[in-house]
Amino acid sequence: MKAEINKSGCIKCGLCADICPTVFRQEGGEAASVRVEEIPAKVKSEAEIAEEQCPTNVIKIRK
């Protein structure tokens, strides 16, 4: 599984990084970004929650 973020739609709220810091980061007023190439199995559910909770729906989890 892989995560993608459409940075142009990111409002920089940091929610994804709060929910799943292993996969997402948001620092210094920048748009959120993906930390890892593949989502580790142990944080798969957290990554999916971050996708669901994103207020602008810019996160996509691909299988």
C-alpha atoms as a PDB file:
ATOM      1  CA  MET A   1       0.000   0.000   0.000  1.00  0.00           C
ATOM      2  CA  LYS A   2       1.139   3.521  -0.802  1.00  0.00           C
ATOM      3  CA  ALA A   3      -0.025   6.937   0.325  1.00  0.00           C
ATOM      4  CA  GLU A   4      -0.315   9.985  -1.902  1.00  0.00           C
ATOM      5  CA  ILE A   5      -1.056  13.608  -1.028  1.00  0.00           C
ATOM      6  CA  ASN A   6      -2.300  16.269  -3.428  1.00  0.00           C
ATOM      7  CA  LYS A   7      -0.194  19.055  -1.932  1.00  0.00           C
ATOM      8  CA  SER A   8      -2.001  21.822  -3.797  1.00  0.00           C
ATOM      9  CA  GLY A   9      -5.176  21.067  -1.819  1.00  0.00           C
ATOM     10  CA  CYS A  10      -3.482  20.589   1.565  1.00  0.00           C
ATOM     11  CA  ILE A  11      -4.505  23.204   4.166  1.00  0.00           C
ATOM     12  CA  LYS A  12      -1.495  22.354   6.374  1.00  0.00           C
ATOM     13  CA  CYS A  13      -3.580  21.370   9.392  1.00  0.00           C
ATOM     14  CA  GLY A  14      -1.211  18.543  10.404  1.00  0.00           C
ATOM     15  CA  LEU A  15      -3.999  16.112  11.238  1.00  0.00           C
ATOM     16  CA  CYS A  16      -2.535  13.322   9.104  1.00  0.00           C
ATOM     17  CA  ALA A  17       0.856  13.638  10.814  1.00  0.00           C
ATOM     18  CA  ASP A  18      -0.841  13.614  14.223  1.00  0.00           C
ATOM     19  CA  ILE A  19      -2.785  10.453  13.366  1.00  0.00           C
ATOM     20  CA  CYS A  20      -0.020   8.559  11.550  1.00  0.00           C
ATOM     21  CA  PRO A  21       3.446  10.131  11.947  1.00  0.00           C
ATOM     22  CA  THR A  22       5.123   7.009  10.561  1.00  0.00           C
ATOM     23  CA  VAL A  23       3.610   7.727   7.137  1.00  0.00           C
ATOM     24  CA  PHE A  24       2.896  11.483   7.092  1.00  0.00           C
ATOM     25  CA  ARG A  25       4.759  14.619   8.105  1.00  0.00           C
ATOM     26  CA  GLN A  26       3.815  18.290   8.165  1.00  0.00           C
ATOM     27  CA  GLU A  27       6.470  20.737   9.277  1.00  0.00           C
ATOM     28  CA  GLY A  28       7.318  24.398   9.100  1.00  0.00           C
ATOM     29  CA  GLY A  29       4.125  25.635   7.504  1.00  0.00           C
ATOM     30  CA  GLU A  30       4.628  23.391   4.476  1.00  0.00           C
ATOM     31  CA  ALA A  31       2.035  21.094   2.948  1.00  0.00           C
ATOM     32  CA  ALA A  32       1.954  17.583   4.366  1.00  0.00           C
ATOM     33  CA  SER A  33       4.125  14.966   2.718  1.00  0.00           C
ATOM     34  CA  VAL A  34       4.546  11.202   2.695  1.00  0.00           C
ATOM     35  CA  ARG A  35       7.526   9.859   4.661  1.00  0.00           C
ATOM     36  CA  VAL A  36       7.674   6.286   3.329  1.00  0.00           C
ATOM     37  CA  GLU A  37       7.440   4.520  -0.023  1.00  0.00           C
ATOM     38  CA  GLU A  38       5.352   1.617   1.320  1.00  0.00           C
ATOM     39  CA  ILE A  39       2.976   1.872   4.277  1.00  0.00           C
ATOM     40  CA  PRO A  40       4.166  -0.541   6.998  1.00  0.00           C
ATOM     41  CA  ALA A  41       1.573  -3.185   7.860  1.00  0.00           C
ATOM     42  CA  LYS A  42       1.626  -2.199  11.542  1.00  0.00           C
ATOM     43  CA  VAL A  43       0.320   1.333  10.773  1.00  0.00           C
ATOM     44  CA  LYS A  44      -2.016   0.520   7.882  1.00  0.00           C
ATOM     45  CA  SER A  45      -5.156   1.258   9.908  1.00  0.00           C
ATOM     46  CA  GLU A  46      -3.766   4.602  11.140  1.00  0.00           C
ATOM     47  CA  ALA A  47      -2.927   5.625   7.557  1.00  0.00           C
ATOM     48  CA  GLU A  48      -6.464   4.755   6.472  1.00  0.00           C
ATOM     49  CA  ILE A  49      -7.891   6.795   9.358  1.00  0.00           C
ATOM     50  CA  ALA A  50      -5.740   9.768   8.276  1.00  0.00           C
ATOM     51  CA  GLU A  51      -7.164   9.405   4.760  1.00  0.00           C
ATOM     52  CA  GLU A  52     -10.740   9.335   6.102  1.00  0.00           C
ATOM     53  CA  GLN A  53     -10.221  12.245   8.518  1.00  0.00           C
ATOM     54  CA  CYS A  54      -8.433  14.613   6.097  1.00  0.00           C
ATOM     55  CA  PRO A  55     -10.680  17.708   5.969  1.00  0.00           C
ATOM     56  CA  THR A  56      -9.846  18.402   2.306  1.00  0.00           C
ATOM     57  CA  ASN A  57      -9.727  14.770   1.098  1.00  0.00           C
ATOM     58  CA  VAL A  58      -6.277  15.169  -0.461  1.00  0.00           C
ATOM     59  CA  ILE A  59      -4.892  11.873   0.893  1.00  0.00           C
ATOM     60  CA  LYS A  60      -5.289   8.704  -1.154  1.00  0.00           C
ATOM     61  CA  ILE A  61      -4.219   5.236  -0.055  1.00  0.00           C
ATOM     62  CA  ARG A  62      -3.458   3.003  -3.053  1.00  0.00           C
ATOM     63  CA  LYS A  63      -3.312  -0.767  -2.840  1.00  0.00           C
END
